[in-house]
């Protein structure tokens, strides 16, 4: 990502560009810098997890409300691919959890579902209370899926499987490894 940022910023500084080209280059720089920020945050999270300095700061909260808010924040990305996000949360879900870390889990699951879903499809998000201390969050998309022989690799760091994003989106191979560690830290 840094190479793209540097290259396009050099073109902006050196070339006599039309306003349209300047806007396009700035848009590319913005998007690539966003990708780089995600990568850096994922690398920091993985290093914290592996060093044993990963902490969960659980507080009583409404998990169904957090899920609804994270779905709302991911709606624009879904709309760009004409994907509909549908949330099913039949009852309020109050329990103790780290809201920042659970937001990461939900965002990673939604991002993957959007990334691997074909245009004009639907992603279903279900929040269901199992008992007083357990909740199940299901994110189901209509993508091609993961071959059975590769599923054991799904939650490993830096794993990229044969399934490809449907619109050429980038992937670090860290998101689901982080999701697994956060869920395990919550005793899930």
Protein backbone atom coordinates (compact mmCIF):
# COMPACT_ATOMS: atom_id res chain seq x y z
CA UNK A 1 0.00 0.00 0.00
CA UNK A 2 2.79 2.44 0.80
CA UNK A 3 4.18 2.12 -2.73
CA UNK A 4 0.84 3.16 -4.20
CA UNK A 5 0.53 6.08 -1.81
CA UNK A 6 4.02 7.27 -2.66
CA UNK A 7 3.60 6.82 -6.42
CA UNK A 8 0.27 8.62 -6.70
CA UNK A 9 1.36 11.42 -4.37
CA UNK A 10 4.50 11.96 -6.50
CA UNK A 11 2.30 12.22 -9.59
CA UNK A 12 0.14 14.79 -7.80
CA UNK A 13 3.20 16.83 -6.90
CA UNK A 14 5.00 16.62 -10.24
CA UNK A 15 2.40 16.37 -12.97
CA UNK A 16 0.12 18.99 -14.42
CA UNK A 17 -3.16 17.16 -13.93
CA UNK A 18 -6.77 17.92 -14.65
CA UNK A 19 -9.08 18.32 -11.64
CA UNK A 20 -10.66 14.97 -12.55
CA UNK A 21 -7.28 13.17 -12.51
CA UNK A 22 -6.30 14.88 -9.24
CA UNK A 23 -9.53 13.71 -7.63
CA UNK A 24 -9.03 10.16 -8.91
CA UNK A 25 -5.45 10.03 -7.56
CA UNK A 26 -6.54 11.43 -4.19
CA UNK A 27 -9.33 8.85 -4.03
CA UNK A 28 -6.81 6.07 -4.69
CA UNK A 29 -4.45 7.42 -2.03
CA UNK A 30 -7.32 7.65 0.45
CA UNK A 31 -8.48 4.06 -0.21
CA UNK A 32 -4.99 2.59 -0.11
CA UNK A 33 -4.21 4.44 3.13
CA UNK A 34 -7.42 2.98 4.63
CA UNK A 35 -6.24 -0.50 3.58
CA UNK A 36 -2.87 0.18 5.18
CA UNK A 37 -4.47 1.35 8.43
CA UNK A 38 -6.49 -1.87 8.61
CA UNK A 39 -3.35 -3.92 7.98
CA UNK A 40 -1.38 -2.09 10.68
CA UNK A 41 -4.19 -2.46 13.22
CA UNK A 42 -4.50 -6.17 12.43
CA UNK A 43 -0.74 -6.65 12.83
CA UNK A 44 -0.80 -4.82 16.17
CA UNK A 45 -3.71 -6.97 17.36
CA UNK A 46 -1.99 -10.21 16.33
CA UNK A 47 1.25 -9.17 18.04
CA UNK A 48 -0.66 -8.28 21.25
CA UNK A 49 -2.48 -11.62 21.16
CA UNK A 50 0.72 -13.60 20.60
CA UNK A 51 2.62 -11.70 23.32
CA UNK A 52 -0.09 -12.44 25.88
CA UNK A 53 -0.86 -8.75 26.44
CA UNK A 54 -4.32 -9.01 24.93
CA UNK A 55 -6.98 -7.88 27.40
CA UNK A 56 -10.74 -8.06 27.46
CA UNK A 57 -12.50 -5.27 29.35
CA UNK A 58 -15.98 -6.66 29.75
CA UNK A 59 -18.93 -4.57 30.86
CA UNK A 60 -22.62 -5.24 30.91
CA UNK A 61 -24.20 -4.11 27.65
CA UNK A 62 -26.73 -4.74 24.90
CA UNK A 63 -25.10 -7.00 22.31
CA UNK A 64 -28.10 -6.80 19.98
CA UNK A 65 -27.75 -3.01 19.89
CA UNK A 66 -24.02 -3.25 19.14
CA UNK A 67 -24.72 -5.67 16.28
CA UNK A 68 -27.43 -3.37 14.87
CA UNK A 69 -25.04 -0.40 14.99
CA UNK A 70 -22.18 -2.30 13.32
CA UNK A 71 -24.58 -3.50 10.60
CA UNK A 72 -25.62 0.12 10.06
CA UNK A 73 -21.96 1.19 9.72
CA UNK A 74 -21.32 -1.54 7.13
CA UNK A 75 -24.42 -0.75 5.06
CA UNK A 76 -22.61 1.60 2.65
CA UNK A 77 -20.03 -1.06 1.73
CA UNK A 78 -22.87 -3.53 1.15
CA UNK A 79 -24.85 -1.04 -0.95
CA UNK A 80 -21.86 -0.49 -3.24
CA UNK A 81 -22.22 -4.15 -4.25
CA UNK A 82 -26.04 -4.09 -4.12
CA UNK A 83 -26.01 -6.43 -1.13
CA UNK A 84 -28.82 -6.29 1.41
CA UNK A 85 -27.98 -6.71 5.11
CA UNK A 86 -30.82 -8.22 7.15
CA UNK A 87 -30.62 -8.46 10.95
CA UNK A 88 -32.64 -10.94 13.00
CA UNK A 89 -32.58 -10.21 16.75
CA UNK A 90 -35.86 -11.40 18.23
CA UNK A 91 -35.10 -10.28 21.79
CA UNK A 92 -32.76 -7.92 23.65
CA UNK A 93 -29.45 -9.56 24.56
CA UNK A 94 -27.86 -8.19 27.72
CA UNK A 95 -24.56 -9.68 28.89
CA UNK A 96 -21.00 -8.81 29.84
CA UNK A 97 -18.60 -8.23 26.91
CA UNK A 98 -15.85 -5.94 25.65
CA UNK A 99 -17.77 -3.69 23.25
CA UNK A 100 -14.67 -2.54 21.33
CA UNK A 101 -13.44 -6.07 20.75
CA UNK A 102 -16.90 -7.38 19.88
CA UNK A 103 -17.24 -4.53 17.38
CA UNK A 104 -14.05 -5.90 15.74
CA UNK A 105 -15.58 -9.38 15.59
CA UNK A 106 -18.81 -8.17 14.03
CA UNK A 107 -17.02 -5.85 11.58
CA UNK A 108 -14.66 -8.62 10.47
CA UNK A 109 -17.52 -11.06 9.93
CA UNK A 110 -19.60 -8.49 8.05
CA UNK A 111 -16.65 -7.32 5.96
CA UNK A 112 -15.89 -10.90 4.94
CA UNK A 113 -19.53 -11.62 4.14
CA UNK A 114 -19.75 -8.52 1.95
CA UNK A 115 -16.35 -9.16 0.38
CA UNK A 116 -17.16 -12.74 -0.64
CA UNK A 117 -20.82 -12.26 -1.60
CA UNK A 118 -21.91 -11.75 -5.17
CA UNK A 119 -23.68 -8.53 -6.14
CA UNK A 120 -27.46 -8.44 -5.67
CA UNK A 121 -27.38 -10.95 -2.81
CA UNK A 122 -28.28 -10.88 0.87
CA UNK A 123 -26.31 -11.26 4.10
CA UNK A 124 -28.28 -12.40 7.14
CA UNK A 125 -27.13 -11.52 10.64
CA UNK A 126 -28.75 -13.38 13.50
CA UNK A 127 -28.29 -12.67 17.22
CA UNK A 128 -29.72 -15.35 19.46
CA UNK A 129 -29.43 -15.76 23.22
CA UNK A 130 -28.61 -19.37 24.12
CA UNK A 131 -28.67 -18.93 27.92
CA UNK A 132 -27.77 -16.28 30.53
CA UNK A 133 -24.08 -16.28 29.51
CA UNK A 134 -24.04 -17.52 25.91
CA UNK A 135 -25.03 -15.85 22.69
CA UNK A 136 -24.78 -17.03 19.11
CA UNK A 137 -24.09 -14.55 16.33
CA UNK A 138 -24.49 -15.96 12.84
CA UNK A 139 -23.44 -14.11 9.71
CA UNK A 140 -24.61 -16.02 6.64
CA UNK A 141 -23.83 -14.91 3.10
CA UNK A 142 -24.52 -16.28 -0.36
CA UNK A 143 -20.89 -16.56 -1.45
CA UNK A 144 -19.35 -19.68 -2.98
CA UNK A 145 -18.21 -20.98 0.40
CA UNK A 146 -14.97 -22.59 1.48
CA UNK A 147 -14.00 -26.07 0.30
CA UNK A 148 -14.17 -28.65 3.11
CA UNK A 149 -10.48 -29.51 2.77
CA UNK A 150 -9.54 -25.86 3.47
CA UNK A 151 -11.88 -25.16 6.38
CA UNK A 152 -9.31 -26.24 9.01
CA UNK A 153 -7.10 -23.33 7.87
CA UNK A 154 -9.84 -20.73 8.19
CA UNK A 155 -8.82 -19.21 11.53
CA UNK A 156 -5.03 -19.27 11.07
CA UNK A 157 -3.08 -16.02 10.83
CA UNK A 158 -2.12 -14.95 7.28
CA UNK A 159 -4.32 -17.65 5.74
CA UNK A 160 -5.74 -16.95 2.32
CA UNK A 161 -7.86 -19.68 0.89
CA UNK A 162 -8.98 -20.44 -2.66
CA UNK A 163 -12.16 -18.35 -2.36
CA UNK A 164 -11.65 -14.89 -3.85
CA UNK A 165 -13.42 -11.61 -3.08
CA UNK A 166 -16.12 -10.98 -5.66
CA UNK A 167 -15.05 -7.39 -6.43
CA UNK A 168 -11.29 -7.73 -6.06
CA UNK A 169 -11.20 -6.42 -2.47
CA UNK A 170 -7.95 -6.86 -0.54
CA UNK A 171 -7.39 -9.25 2.35
CA UNK A 172 -4.62 -9.55 4.94
CA UNK A 173 -5.52 -13.05 6.07
CA UNK A 174 -5.65 -11.84 9.69
CA UNK A 175 -9.30 -10.96 10.30
CA UNK A 176 -10.66 -14.38 11.19
CA UNK A 177 -7.60 -15.24 13.32
CA UNK A 178 -8.33 -12.10 15.35
CA UNK A 179 -12.05 -12.96 15.52
CA UNK A 180 -11.22 -16.41 16.92
CA UNK A 181 -8.91 -15.01 19.62
CA UNK A 182 -11.45 -12.37 20.70
CA UNK A 183 -14.26 -14.92 20.88
CA UNK A 184 -12.04 -17.32 22.86
CA UNK A 185 -11.09 -14.49 25.24
CA UNK A 186 -14.83 -14.07 25.88
CA UNK A 187 -15.02 -17.80 26.73
CA UNK A 188 -16.67 -18.58 23.41
